[in-house]
Each structure stands twice: as structure tokens, then as C-alpha cells.
Protein backbone atom coordinates (compact mmCIF):
# COMPACT_ATOMS: atom_id res chain seq x y z
CA MET A 1 25.98 1.34 -105.45
CA ASP A 2 24.97 -1.92 -102.99
CA LEU A 3 23.20 1.62 -100.66
CA ASP A 4 20.58 3.61 -100.48
CA PRO A 5 20.55 6.83 -101.83
CA LYS A 6 21.13 8.26 -99.32
CA ASP A 7 24.49 6.98 -97.91
CA ARG A 8 26.41 5.97 -101.28
CA TRP A 9 28.37 9.29 -100.92
CA PRO A 10 30.02 11.05 -97.68
CA TYR A 11 27.86 13.56 -97.32
CA GLN A 12 28.99 15.17 -94.09
CA ASP A 13 33.13 14.43 -95.69
CA ILE A 14 31.84 16.60 -99.03
CA VAL A 15 30.50 19.64 -97.63
CA SER A 16 33.06 19.53 -94.13
CA THR A 17 35.72 19.70 -96.72
CA TYR A 18 34.93 21.82 -99.60
CA ASN A 19 32.07 23.62 -98.03
CA GLN A 20 33.55 27.20 -99.32
CA SER A 21 34.06 26.20 -103.02
CA LEU A 22 30.08 24.55 -102.60
CA HIS A 23 29.28 28.26 -101.42
CA ASP A 24 30.62 30.08 -104.33
CA ALA A 25 29.74 27.77 -106.53
CA VAL A 26 26.50 29.21 -105.87
CA ASN A 27 27.10 32.68 -106.00
CA LEU A 28 28.23 32.13 -109.56
CA ILE A 29 24.94 31.08 -110.11
CA GLY A 30 23.99 34.44 -111.36
CA GLN A 31 26.99 34.53 -114.65
CA PHE A 32 24.41 32.07 -116.33
CA ILE A 33 20.95 32.68 -115.35
CA PRO A 34 19.75 36.81 -114.67
CA ALA A 35 18.27 37.29 -111.23
CA PHE A 36 13.89 38.46 -112.78
CA LEU A 37 14.85 34.67 -113.68
CA ASP A 38 15.77 32.65 -110.73
CA PRO A 39 12.57 32.45 -109.94
CA VAL A 40 11.50 30.30 -113.05
CA ALA A 41 14.53 27.98 -113.36
CA TYR A 42 14.88 26.90 -109.20
CA GLU A 43 10.71 25.55 -110.22
CA MET A 44 11.39 25.05 -112.57
CA ALA A 45 15.00 22.94 -111.09
CA LEU A 46 12.45 21.34 -109.04
CA LEU A 47 10.13 19.78 -111.69
CA ALA A 48 13.23 18.11 -112.74
CA LEU A 49 13.79 16.59 -109.81
CA PRO A 50 11.95 13.75 -110.74
CA HIS A 51 13.28 12.78 -114.36
CA LEU A 52 16.72 11.87 -112.75
CA GLY A 53 15.76 9.51 -111.08
CA ASP A 54 17.21 7.68 -108.20
CA TYR A 55 19.55 10.25 -108.71
CA GLN A 56 17.21 12.45 -107.42
CA TYR A 57 17.31 11.19 -103.24
CA GLU A 58 21.78 12.30 -103.83
CA ILE A 59 21.09 14.89 -105.16
CA MET A 60 18.24 15.80 -101.78
CA GLU A 61 20.73 14.40 -99.28
CA ALA A 62 23.45 16.75 -99.98
CA ALA A 63 20.69 19.47 -100.31
CA ARG A 64 19.83 18.18 -97.00
CA VAL A 65 23.19 17.71 -95.24
CA SER A 66 25.09 20.99 -96.69
CA GLY A 67 21.78 23.37 -95.75
CA ILE A 68 22.13 24.83 -99.73
CA PRO A 69 18.47 24.76 -100.98
CA LEU A 70 17.09 21.74 -102.79
CA GLU A 71 16.26 23.72 -105.83
CA VAL A 72 20.30 25.22 -105.65
CA VAL A 73 21.65 22.00 -105.80
CA THR A 74 19.27 20.87 -108.47
CA LEU A 75 19.87 23.46 -111.11
CA LEU A 76 23.87 23.30 -109.84
CA ASN A 77 23.44 19.45 -110.82
CA ILE A 78 21.73 20.52 -114.51
CA ILE A 79 23.65 23.42 -115.44
CA TYR A 80 27.33 21.67 -115.98
CA GLU A 81 26.26 20.21 -118.62
CA VAL A 82 24.57 23.23 -119.99
CA GLU A 83 27.11 24.88 -119.71
CA ALA A 84 30.80 23.17 -119.98
CA GLY A 85 33.29 23.74 -122.62
CA CYS A 86 36.09 20.45 -123.24
CA THR A 87 38.28 18.61 -125.91
CA SER A 88 37.76 15.09 -125.93
CA ILE A 89 40.38 13.08 -128.22
CA ILE A 90 40.66 9.10 -128.46
CA SER A 91 43.60 7.46 -130.27
CA GLN A 92 44.32 4.55 -130.65
CA ASP A 93 48.39 3.08 -130.79
CA LEU A 94 50.20 0.91 -133.40
CA GLN A 95 49.22 -2.11 -130.84
CA GLY A 96 45.60 -1.59 -131.67
CA ARG A 97 45.45 0.28 -127.41
CA ILE A 98 42.56 2.38 -127.79
CA PHE A 99 43.13 6.26 -125.03
CA HIS A 100 40.68 8.35 -124.08
CA SER A 101 41.10 11.52 -123.13
CA ARG A 102 40.03 15.15 -122.30
CA ASN A 103 40.57 18.58 -120.73
CA LEU A 104 36.65 20.57 -118.74
CA ASP A 105 36.81 24.44 -119.20
CA PHE A 106 34.62 26.15 -117.71
CA ASN A 107 34.02 30.15 -116.58
CA LEU A 108 34.00 29.25 -113.58
CA ALA A 109 37.25 27.03 -113.67
CA PRO A 110 38.94 29.27 -110.19
CA THR A 111 35.71 27.27 -108.07
CA LEU A 112 35.23 24.32 -109.25
CA ARG A 113 39.45 23.37 -109.47
CA GLU A 114 38.43 23.22 -105.64
CA LEU A 115 35.35 21.28 -106.29
CA VAL A 116 36.85 18.06 -108.19
CA ILE A 117 37.54 15.06 -106.98
CA ASP A 118 38.11 11.50 -108.55
CA VAL A 119 35.74 8.67 -107.41
CA GLN A 120 35.42 5.10 -107.37
CA PHE A 121 32.51 3.49 -107.58
CA TYR A 122 32.19 0.08 -106.18
CA LYS A 123 29.21 -2.58 -106.28
CA ASN A 124 29.44 -5.87 -104.64
CA GLY A 125 32.71 -5.14 -103.06
CA LYS A 126 34.40 -4.25 -106.73
CA ILE A 127 34.78 -1.22 -109.13
CA LEU A 128 32.46 -0.94 -111.27
CA TYR A 129 33.20 2.18 -112.57
CA TYR A 130 35.75 5.37 -111.98
CA GLY A 131 34.66 9.04 -112.44
CA THR A 132 36.13 12.06 -113.18
CA THR A 133 33.07 15.28 -111.24
CA PHE A 134 32.67 18.25 -109.24
CA ALA A 135 31.80 17.27 -105.17
CA GLY A 136 28.12 18.30 -104.93
CA TYR A 137 27.64 16.73 -108.69
CA PHE A 138 26.32 13.65 -108.95
CA GLY A 139 26.48 13.59 -113.08
CA ILE A 140 29.17 12.28 -115.09
CA LEU A 141 30.86 14.28 -117.22
CA THR A 142 34.41 11.85 -117.43
CA GLY A 143 34.29 8.39 -116.57
CA MET A 144 35.71 4.81 -117.63
CA LYS A 145 34.40 0.85 -117.27
CA PRO A 146 37.03 -0.80 -116.86
CA GLY A 147 37.32 -3.69 -119.29
CA TYR A 148 34.58 -1.97 -121.17
CA PHE A 149 33.86 1.44 -122.46
CA SER A 150 35.17 5.48 -121.47
CA ILE A 151 32.71 8.54 -122.66
CA THR A 152 32.76 11.74 -122.40
CA LEU A 153 31.16 14.63 -122.32
CA ASN A 154 31.27 18.14 -124.81
CA GLU A 155 28.75 21.06 -124.69
CA ARG A 156 27.39 21.69 -127.91
CA ASP A 157 26.64 25.13 -128.61
CA THR A 158 23.57 26.15 -130.96
CA GLY A 159 22.16 28.84 -128.54
CA TYR A 160 19.77 26.27 -126.85
CA ILE A 161 19.65 28.47 -123.39
CA PHE A 162 19.18 26.91 -119.98
CA GLU A 163 15.93 27.73 -119.25
CA ASN A 164 14.93 25.68 -123.08
CA ALA A 165 17.16 22.38 -121.07
CA LEU A 166 15.13 22.77 -118.48
CA GLU A 167 12.28 23.10 -120.32
CA ALA A 168 13.56 20.03 -122.42
CA LEU A 169 14.08 17.86 -118.82
CA LEU A 170 10.70 17.64 -118.07
CA VAL A 171 9.24 15.33 -121.09
CA PRO A 172 8.36 11.85 -121.01
CA GLY A 173 11.81 9.72 -121.87
CA THR A 174 13.97 12.94 -121.88
CA THR A 175 17.15 12.14 -119.58
CA ALA A 176 19.86 14.42 -118.41
CA SER A 177 23.27 13.46 -120.39
CA ALA A 178 25.47 13.08 -117.78
CA PHE A 179 23.43 11.17 -115.67
CA LEU A 180 22.38 9.47 -118.92
CA ILE A 181 25.87 8.66 -119.18
CA ARG A 182 26.05 7.35 -115.15
CA THR A 183 23.08 5.10 -116.06
CA ILE A 184 25.36 3.03 -118.72
CA PHE A 185 28.02 2.88 -116.61
CA GLU A 186 26.28 1.19 -114.03
CA THR A 187 24.12 -0.83 -115.84
CA GLU A 188 25.81 -1.84 -119.51
CA THR A 189 28.32 -4.43 -120.34
CA SER A 190 28.54 -3.47 -123.60
CA TYR A 191 30.13 -0.89 -126.39
CA SER A 192 27.89 -0.88 -128.82
CA THR A 193 24.89 -1.63 -126.95
CA ALA A 194 25.95 2.02 -124.94
CA SER A 195 26.71 3.76 -128.03
CA ASP A 196 22.79 2.82 -129.26
CA LEU A 197 21.77 4.36 -126.03
CA LEU A 198 24.08 7.58 -125.96
CA SER A 199 22.26 8.04 -129.81
CA VAL A 200 18.78 7.64 -129.68
CA THR A 201 18.51 8.36 -125.82
CA SER A 202 16.59 11.65 -125.69
CA THR A 203 18.57 14.29 -123.70
CA PRO A 204 17.39 17.86 -122.46
CA ALA A 205 20.46 19.72 -124.70
CA PRO A 206 22.40 19.09 -127.86
CA SER A 207 25.78 18.31 -127.06
CA TYR A 208 29.17 16.36 -127.95
CA ILE A 209 29.59 12.62 -126.12
CA ILE A 210 32.96 10.76 -127.12
CA LEU A 211 32.70 6.79 -126.63
CA SER A 212 35.82 4.94 -126.56
CA GLY A 213 35.98 0.96 -125.98
CA VAL A 214 38.38 -2.03 -125.85
CA HIS A 215 39.07 -2.75 -128.77
CA PRO A 216 40.79 -2.12 -132.34
CA ASN A 217 38.29 1.06 -133.59
CA GLU A 218 36.22 1.42 -131.35
CA GLY A 219 36.04 4.65 -130.65
CA VAL A 220 33.01 7.58 -131.85
CA VAL A 221 31.53 10.98 -131.49
CA ILE A 222 27.93 11.31 -131.29
CA THR A 223 27.39 14.64 -131.84
CA ARG A 224 23.55 15.31 -130.64
CA ASP A 225 20.19 17.27 -131.97
CA ARG A 226 18.76 16.97 -128.78
CA GLU A 227 15.79 13.78 -129.24
CA LYS A 228 18.71 12.32 -131.88
CA ALA A 229 22.19 11.99 -132.62
CA ALA A 230 22.60 14.86 -136.06
CA ASP A 231 25.81 12.79 -137.02
CA ILE A 232 27.82 9.63 -135.84
CA TRP A 233 32.11 10.11 -136.58
CA PRO A 234 33.62 6.77 -136.26
CA LEU A 235 37.13 6.29 -135.31
CA SER A 236 38.75 4.14 -137.85
CA SER A 237 42.71 3.31 -138.04
CA THR A 238 41.96 1.19 -141.31
CA ALA A 239 41.61 4.70 -143.25
CA GLY A 240 43.52 6.36 -142.25
CA ASN A 241 41.08 7.93 -139.19
CA TRP A 242 43.75 6.95 -135.45
CA PHE A 243 42.35 9.99 -133.36
CA LEU A 244 39.04 11.79 -133.46
CA VAL A 245 39.82 15.30 -131.88
CA GLN A 246 35.66 17.26 -131.11
CA THR A 247 35.95 20.73 -129.24
CA ASN A 248 32.35 22.42 -129.17
CA ASP A 249 31.83 22.78 -132.78
CA ASP A 250 29.97 20.49 -135.21
CA HIS A 251 33.38 18.75 -136.56
CA TRP A 252 32.39 18.46 -139.79
CA LEU A 253 32.26 22.41 -139.70
CA PRO A 254 34.85 25.17 -139.84
CA PRO A 255 35.69 26.31 -135.79
CA GLU A 256 35.70 29.24 -133.83
CA ASP A 257 38.75 28.73 -131.90
CA ASP A 258 42.00 27.00 -132.50
CA ARG A 259 42.05 24.41 -129.31
CA ARG A 260 40.38 21.35 -132.62
CA GLN A 261 43.37 22.45 -135.22
CA ILE A 262 46.30 22.82 -132.80
CA ALA A 263 44.89 19.35 -130.60
CA ILE A 264 44.81 18.15 -133.77
CA ASN A 265 48.67 19.17 -134.20
CA GLY A 266 50.15 17.98 -131.51
CA MET A 267 48.16 14.36 -132.42
CA LYS A 268 50.33 14.18 -135.53
CA ALA A 269 53.29 15.19 -133.96
CA CYS A 270 52.92 11.89 -131.44
CA THR A 271 52.50 9.57 -134.72
CA GLN A 272 50.78 6.80 -133.87
CA SER A 273 53.75 5.35 -131.33
CA LEU A 274 51.62 7.30 -128.70
CA ASN A 275 51.40 7.37 -124.84
CA ALA A 276 49.76 8.96 -122.21
CA THR A 277 52.82 11.57 -122.02
CA CYS A 278 52.15 12.57 -125.45
CA ILE A 279 48.46 12.95 -125.52
CA PHE A 280 49.24 14.26 -122.17
CA HIS A 281 51.49 16.87 -123.50
CA VAL A 282 49.23 17.29 -126.15
CA LEU A 283 45.81 18.80 -124.33
CA SER A 284 48.48 21.39 -122.25
CA THR A 285 49.52 23.27 -125.09
CA PRO A 286 48.06 26.02 -125.12
CA ASP A 287 44.78 27.25 -125.70
CA VAL A 288 43.55 23.81 -125.82
CA LEU A 289 44.62 24.46 -122.32
CA ASN A 290 43.83 27.93 -121.42
CA ASP A 291 42.52 29.03 -118.28
CA GLY A 292 39.44 27.83 -118.47
CA THR A 293 40.83 24.12 -118.41
CA THR A 294 40.03 22.83 -114.82
CA TYR A 295 41.52 18.96 -115.00
CA THR A 296 42.64 16.38 -117.82
CA THR A 297 41.71 12.95 -117.46
CA ILE A 298 43.61 10.69 -119.39
CA MET A 299 41.93 6.78 -119.73
CA SER A 300 41.94 3.34 -120.89
CA ALA A 301 38.61 1.00 -120.21
CA GLN A 302 41.09 -1.78 -122.22
CA SER A 303 44.85 -1.23 -119.72
CA SER A 304 42.18 0.00 -116.45
CA TYR A 305 44.23 3.54 -116.32
CA TYR A 306 42.82 5.88 -115.06
CA SER A 307 44.44 9.18 -114.83
CA THR A 308 43.27 13.61 -113.77
CA THR A 309 44.89 15.54 -113.12
CA VAL A 310 44.08 19.29 -111.89
CA ARG A 311 44.92 22.33 -114.18
CA ASN A 312 46.38 26.04 -112.37
């Protein structure tokens, strides 16, 4: 992160390695936006680009090197966080160690599996944070700052259509969630400050932001409206809540699918003597693991453990 944005990523290597999959992803935009709205969406994407701050220059360089139009690359860098389905779990073992795990589901899974990359972000010669993302996508939906905290982002389906999210991104003070997460990894070292920023910063669409730290009971699911948190759901092992499961439904409402209950049953079967292997098994249970699952990540900021598996 010491370099100029145009030099931060091996853009040419990314394009050479993932060229076909990148173009496959571009061709699937029509699954989210009707063709007659394409011109409007692309125009709004270009208007939104400056609102991505320093990261806009990474997107611009990726477009230049790949030859993919800038408005298309920008749109892809906004669309993922609005459309991604997920299962995120925070859990605490008997020794107080926090595990943070997730499946990222997307209906473009066959294409996106080919684009999954684990990235180590360095500053001053040292690892600043880890992230799992897609080649050509510069936001972070899954990441960990060793020794401090980890964050995952889940889509919250409130009927907030993609075009509304693009329009909202133009409102001053609004930050795209996946780029807000990346900024927090780069600038913050406090779990409580990260939690506050994730709760109060305006974002373009509702979401669930799952944050875990390095000390016992440092874990929270932040249910986000666009402007602020609608609910804060904390981890509390002393109250018997030694794990939290968040899918794509508000946790206080009945879920629309079986993923939540299946994951809850699996975590109970693990018991609090849990480990990464048992959590991976929970995330590999049918329905929790489904045709749309692109990858599974298990991490612990306390021990700097970080493992991602691309699913088939």
C-alpha cells in the first residue's frame, strides 16, 4: 500500500491469467441489469467512480490494461456487494479464541470461482491485512487484519434495487461498503473504532457487516440500513451466545431458507470445543454449501490464521 494506485496490483499478470474469466463476468452483467437500462447504469457508474476515493485509480488502471471499458469495470466493482448472498459465522471456543468464517454465494458462481484470489496487502514491508476477492474487483468482502480484527459483508435483501444503490453512492458522505471495509483495514487498529465506523458511515445499500476481534466476546453482527445501523447483535459467551450465524435475513425474523438453522445445528454439534476443521464441516453442509457458493474462508485475527477454499 506504499505504491501509487496504478502500481499496486500486477495488472498485466491479472489480465493475462484471468482474461477469459474477466470477460465472462462482463458478459453476465445482463443478469442484474436489463439491457434497456445499461446506458443509465454505465453513466451512473462513471459518476460514482470519484466517490470511491483513492481506489478509483486502481479501477482506472485495470480498465486501461484490460481494454474493458471503464464504466464496465466500475460497474463490476459496485455490483458484487449488492448482489452477494452469504453465510457468516462468528464463534468463540472454550479458550476465548474467536473464529470468523464465511461462505460467499453468488449466482455467477461458475465464473467467479475462476476469479477468486487471496491477497496479502503490505505496508512498510509488513503484511497489513489479508483479503479474499475476485481478480479485477478491488473492494473487500472478506478480510482480516492480523492481531486486530476481521470483517465479512453479507447482502441484505430489502428490495433495494441496484440502480438505487448507484444513485445513493452519489450522495456526499456515502461510501461503498466493500471499499469502506478496505479503508478500515488500512487505517484502523481498534476493534471498537472499526465497529463504530461500520455502524454509522452511510453506504449505498443495506447490508450485514460481521466484525470479530481478538479478545473474548469481540464479535458483532451489524444490520445496516443505508444511513446507519438498524441493529447491533453482539457475541456474548457469558450469556450462552458463543456463536452467531448470519445469512441474508434479519436475525430476529424467520429465515426465508434453511441455511441459518442448518448452520446453527452444525455449530451446536461442534460444541464450544470447536476448531477450524469442524467449522469448515458446518460450512460444507448441503444448503449452507450450495450451487452458488464460490469460496469458504475461515480466519482468526488473534492467531493470524487465514484459509480460503474455492468450492466446486
